[in-house]
């Protein structure tokens, strides 16, 4: 699936005009943090048994 130049320009403009700093990378960092928290919670939950 090939994106057009207009679609890529819109996508890049969306992230540039975001309220969050480095929003194009920040969402991946947030997902990793949530995943690590979930693993930690699962580990502490299982260790209680």
PDB file of N, CA and C in Angstrom:
ATOM      1  N   UNK A   1       0.859  -1.183   0.000  1.00  0.00           N
ATOM      2  CA  UNK A   1       0.000   0.000   0.000  1.00  0.00           C
ATOM      3  C   UNK A   1       0.904   1.245   0.000  1.00  0.00           C
ATOM      4  N   UNK A   2       0.757   2.040  -1.016  1.00  0.00           N
ATOM      5  CA  UNK A   2       1.598   3.223  -1.180  1.00  0.00           C
ATOM      6  C   UNK A   2       0.796   4.464  -0.793  1.00  0.00           C
ATOM      7  N   UNK A   3       1.408   5.294   0.041  1.00  0.00           N
ATOM      8  CA  UNK A   3       0.752   6.544   0.423  1.00  0.00           C
ATOM      9  C   UNK A   3       1.140   7.638  -0.562  1.00  0.00           C
ATOM     10  N   UNK A   4       0.215   8.532  -0.783  1.00  0.00           N
ATOM     11  CA  UNK A   4       0.508   9.654  -1.662  1.00  0.00           C
ATOM     12  C   UNK A   4       1.321  10.699  -0.913  1.00  0.00           C
ATOM     13  N   UNK A   5       1.925  11.594  -1.666  1.00  0.00           N
ATOM     14  CA  UNK A   5       2.727  12.659  -1.055  1.00  0.00           C
ATOM     15  C   UNK A   5       1.852  13.553  -0.179  1.00  0.00           C
ATOM     16  N   UNK A   6       0.612  13.784  -0.598  1.00  0.00           N
ATOM     17  CA  UNK A   6      -0.292  14.628   0.189  1.00  0.00           C
ATOM     18  C   UNK A   6      -0.615  13.976   1.531  1.00  0.00           C
ATOM     19  N   UNK A   7      -0.810  12.669   1.521  1.00  0.00           N
ATOM     20  CA  UNK A   7      -1.110  11.969   2.769  1.00  0.00           C
ATOM     21  C   UNK A   7       0.082  12.024   3.712  1.00  0.00           C
ATOM     22  N   UNK A   8       1.280  11.842   3.172  1.00  0.00           N
ATOM     23  CA  UNK A   8       2.469  11.905   4.016  1.00  0.00           C
ATOM     24  C   UNK A   8       2.685  13.319   4.572  1.00  0.00           C
ATOM     25  N   UNK A   9       2.402  14.315   3.761  1.00  0.00           N
ATOM     26  CA  UNK A   9       2.553  15.695   4.220  1.00  0.00           C
ATOM     27  C   UNK A   9       1.559  16.009   5.332  1.00  0.00           C
ATOM     28  N   UNK A  10       0.341  15.524   5.193  1.00  0.00           N
ATOM     29  CA  UNK A  10      -0.666  15.718   6.236  1.00  0.00           C
ATOM     30  C   UNK A  10      -0.233  15.020   7.525  1.00  0.00           C
ATOM     31  N   UNK A  11       0.257  13.793   7.395  1.00  0.00           N
ATOM     32  CA  UNK A  11       0.706  13.019   8.556  1.00  0.00           C
ATOM     33  C   UNK A  11       1.838  13.735   9.279  1.00  0.00           C
ATOM     34  N   UNK A  12       2.819  14.206   8.542  1.00  0.00           N
ATOM     35  CA  UNK A  12       3.942  14.918   9.142  1.00  0.00           C
ATOM     36  C   UNK A  12       3.483  16.229   9.786  1.00  0.00           C
ATOM     37  N   UNK A  13       2.572  16.939   9.133  1.00  0.00           N
ATOM     38  CA  UNK A  13       2.035  18.174   9.689  1.00  0.00           C
ATOM     39  C   UNK A  13       1.240  17.940  10.958  1.00  0.00           C
ATOM     40  N   UNK A  14       0.560  16.800  11.014  1.00  0.00           N
ATOM     41  CA  UNK A  14      -0.216  16.452  12.215  1.00  0.00           C
ATOM     42  C   UNK A  14       0.692  16.321  13.427  1.00  0.00           C
ATOM     43  N   UNK A  15       1.812  15.643  13.262  1.00  0.00           N
ATOM     44  CA  UNK A  15       2.724  15.457  14.386  1.00  0.00           C
ATOM     45  C   UNK A  15       3.492  16.730  14.710  1.00  0.00           C
ATOM     46  N   UNK A  16       3.815  17.533  13.708  1.00  0.00           N
ATOM     47  CA  UNK A  16       4.554  18.779  13.962  1.00  0.00           C
ATOM     48  C   UNK A  16       3.698  19.754  14.764  1.00  0.00           C
ATOM     49  N   UNK A  17       2.397  19.788  14.479  1.00  0.00           N
ATOM     50  CA  UNK A  17       1.500  20.739  15.144  1.00  0.00           C
ATOM     51  C   UNK A  17       0.879  20.179  16.422  1.00  0.00           C
ATOM     52  N   UNK A  18       1.380  19.074  16.903  1.00  0.00           N
ATOM     53  CA  UNK A  18       0.823  18.458  18.098  1.00  0.00           C
ATOM     54  C   UNK A  18       1.165  19.287  19.338  1.00  0.00           C
ATOM     55  N   UNK A  19       0.324  19.138  20.359  1.00  0.00           N
ATOM     56  CA  UNK A  19       0.565  19.839  21.621  1.00  0.00           C
ATOM     57  C   UNK A  19       1.705  19.204  22.409  1.00  0.00           C
ATOM     58  N   UNK A  20       1.948  17.925  22.167  1.00  0.00           N
ATOM     59  CA  UNK A  20       2.976  17.205  22.923  1.00  0.00           C
ATOM     60  C   UNK A  20       4.330  17.321  22.229  1.00  0.00           C
ATOM     61  N   UNK A  21       5.389  17.412  22.985  1.00  0.00           N
ATOM     62  CA  UNK A  21       6.715  17.459  22.363  1.00  0.00           C
ATOM     63  C   UNK A  21       7.099  16.097  21.806  1.00  0.00           C
ATOM     64  N   UNK A  22       7.633  16.076  20.603  1.00  0.00           N
ATOM     65  CA  UNK A  22       8.052  14.841  19.921  1.00  0.00           C
ATOM     66  C   UNK A  22       6.934  13.807  19.939  1.00  0.00           C
ATOM     67  N   UNK A  23       5.735  14.202  19.568  1.00  0.00           N
ATOM     68  CA  UNK A  23       4.571  13.331  19.663  1.00  0.00           C
ATOM     69  C   UNK A  23       4.692  12.099  18.781  1.00  0.00           C
ATOM     70  N   UNK A  24       5.472  12.193  17.697  1.00  0.00           N
ATOM     71  CA  UNK A  24       5.605  11.036  16.824  1.00  0.00           C
ATOM     72  C   UNK A  24       6.379   9.912  17.500  1.00  0.00           C
ATOM     73  N   UNK A  25       7.177  10.218  18.504  1.00  0.00           N
ATOM     74  CA  UNK A  25       7.927   9.210  19.248  1.00  0.00           C
ATOM     75  C   UNK A  25       7.290   8.960  20.608  1.00  0.00           C
ATOM     76  N   UNK A  26       6.646   9.987  21.165  1.00  0.00           N
ATOM     77  CA  UNK A  26       6.111   9.898  22.522  1.00  0.00           C
ATOM     78  C   UNK A  26       5.075   8.796  22.667  1.00  0.00           C
ATOM     79  N   UNK A  27       4.245   8.572  21.651  1.00  0.00           N
ATOM     80  CA  UNK A  27       3.215   7.543  21.786  1.00  0.00           C
ATOM     81  C   UNK A  27       3.841   6.159  21.920  1.00  0.00           C
ATOM     82  N   UNK A  28       4.966   5.926  21.258  1.00  0.00           N
ATOM     83  CA  UNK A  28       5.642   4.633  21.398  1.00  0.00           C
ATOM     84  C   UNK A  28       6.234   4.476  22.799  1.00  0.00           C
ATOM     85  N   UNK A  29       6.769   5.569  23.338  1.00  0.00           N
ATOM     86  CA  UNK A  29       7.328   5.534  24.691  1.00  0.00           C
ATOM     87  C   UNK A  29       6.218   5.260  25.705  1.00  0.00           C
ATOM     88  N   UNK A  30       5.075   5.876  25.519  1.00  0.00           N
ATOM     89  CA  UNK A  30       3.948   5.665  26.435  1.00  0.00           C
ATOM     90  C   UNK A  30       3.501   4.207  26.398  1.00  0.00           C
ATOM     91  N   UNK A  31       3.434   3.615  25.212  1.00  0.00           N
ATOM     92  CA  UNK A  31       3.043   2.211  25.095  1.00  0.00           C
ATOM     93  C   UNK A  31       4.042   1.314  25.815  1.00  0.00           C
ATOM     94  N   UNK A  32       5.324   1.597  25.665  1.00  0.00           N
ATOM     95  CA  UNK A  32       6.341   0.794  26.349  1.00  0.00           C
ATOM     96  C   UNK A  32       6.225   0.922  27.867  1.00  0.00           C
ATOM     97  N   UNK A  33       5.972   2.127  28.355  1.00  0.00           N
ATOM     98  CA  UNK A  33       5.826   2.340  29.795  1.00  0.00           C
ATOM     99  C   UNK A  33       4.620   1.581  30.328  1.00  0.00           C
ATOM    100  N   UNK A  34       3.502   1.631  29.607  1.00  0.00           N
ATOM    101  CA  UNK A  34       2.298   0.910  30.035  1.00  0.00           C
ATOM    102  C   UNK A  34       2.553  -0.592  30.021  1.00  0.00           C
ATOM    103  N   UNK A  35       3.270  -1.089  29.015  1.00  0.00           N
ATOM    104  CA  UNK A  35       3.577  -2.515  28.947  1.00  0.00           C
ATOM    105  C   UNK A  35       4.467  -2.934  30.116  1.00  0.00           C
ATOM    106  N   UNK A  36       5.464  -2.124  30.443  1.00  0.00           N
ATOM    107  CA  UNK A  36       6.331  -2.448  31.577  1.00  0.00           C
ATOM    108  C   UNK A  36       5.558  -2.433  32.893  1.00  0.00           C
ATOM    109  N   UNK A  37       4.662  -1.471  33.049  1.00  0.00           N
ATOM    110  CA  UNK A  37       3.829  -1.435  34.253  1.00  0.00           C
ATOM    111  C   UNK A  37       2.939  -2.673  34.347  1.00  0.00           C
ATOM    112  N   UNK A  38       2.387  -3.093  33.220  1.00  0.00           N
ATOM    113  CA  UNK A  38       1.535  -4.282  33.216  1.00  0.00           C
ATOM    114  C   UNK A  38       2.338  -5.525  33.582  1.00  0.00           C
ATOM    115  N   UNK A  39       3.551  -5.645  33.061  1.00  0.00           N
ATOM    116  CA  UNK A  39       4.393  -6.791  33.417  1.00  0.00           C
ATOM    117  C   UNK A  39       4.744  -6.771  34.900  1.00  0.00           C
ATOM    118  N   UNK A  40       5.050  -5.606  35.427  1.00  0.00           N
ATOM    119  CA  UNK A  40       5.377  -5.489  36.845  1.00  0.00           C
ATOM    120  C   UNK A  40       4.175  -5.868  37.711  1.00  0.00           C
ATOM    121  N   UNK A  41       2.992  -5.381  37.322  1.00  0.00           N
ATOM    122  CA  UNK A  41       1.786  -5.701  38.081  1.00  0.00           C
ATOM    123  C   UNK A  41       1.497  -7.204  38.028  1.00  0.00           C
ATOM    124  N   UNK A  42       1.662  -7.819  36.862  1.00  0.00           N
ATOM    125  CA  UNK A  42       1.420  -9.251  36.736  1.00  0.00           C
ATOM    126  C   UNK A  42       2.428 -10.029  37.583  1.00  0.00           C
ATOM    127  N   UNK A  43       3.653  -9.590  37.599  1.00  0.00           N
ATOM    128  CA  UNK A  43       4.683 -10.276  38.394  1.00  0.00           C
ATOM    129  C   UNK A  43       4.384 -10.184  39.890  1.00  0.00           C
ATOM    130  N   UNK A  44       4.010  -9.013  40.347  1.00  0.00           N
ATOM    131  CA  UNK A  44       3.706  -8.860  41.776  1.00  0.00           C
ATOM    132  C   UNK A  44       2.435  -9.633  42.147  1.00  0.00           C
ATOM    133  N   UNK A  45       1.480  -9.700  41.230  1.00  0.00           N
ATOM    134  CA  UNK A  45       0.241 -10.438  41.492  1.00  0.00           C
ATOM    135  C   UNK A  45       0.525 -11.929  41.607  1.00  0.00           C
ATOM    136  N   UNK A  46       1.330 -12.466  40.687  1.00  0.00           N
ATOM    137  CA  UNK A  46       1.623 -13.906  40.696  1.00  0.00           C
ATOM    138  C   UNK A  46       2.491 -14.272  41.887  1.00  0.00           C
ATOM    139  N   UNK A  47       3.373 -13.377  42.304  1.00  0.00           N
ATOM    140  CA  UNK A  47       4.267 -13.710  43.405  1.00  0.00           C
ATOM    141  C   UNK A  47       3.542 -13.797  44.759  1.00  0.00           C
ATOM    142  N   UNK A  48       2.307 -13.356  44.828  1.00  0.00           N
ATOM    143  CA  UNK A  48       1.558 -13.425  46.077  1.00  0.00           C
ATOM    144  C   UNK A  48       1.003 -14.816  46.328  1.00  0.00           C
ATOM    145  N   UNK A  49       1.060 -15.703  45.334  1.00  0.00           N
ATOM    146  CA  UNK A  49       0.488 -17.048  45.492  1.00  0.00           C
ATOM    147  C   UNK A  49       1.556 -18.061  45.780  1.00  0.00           C
TER     148      UNK A  49
END
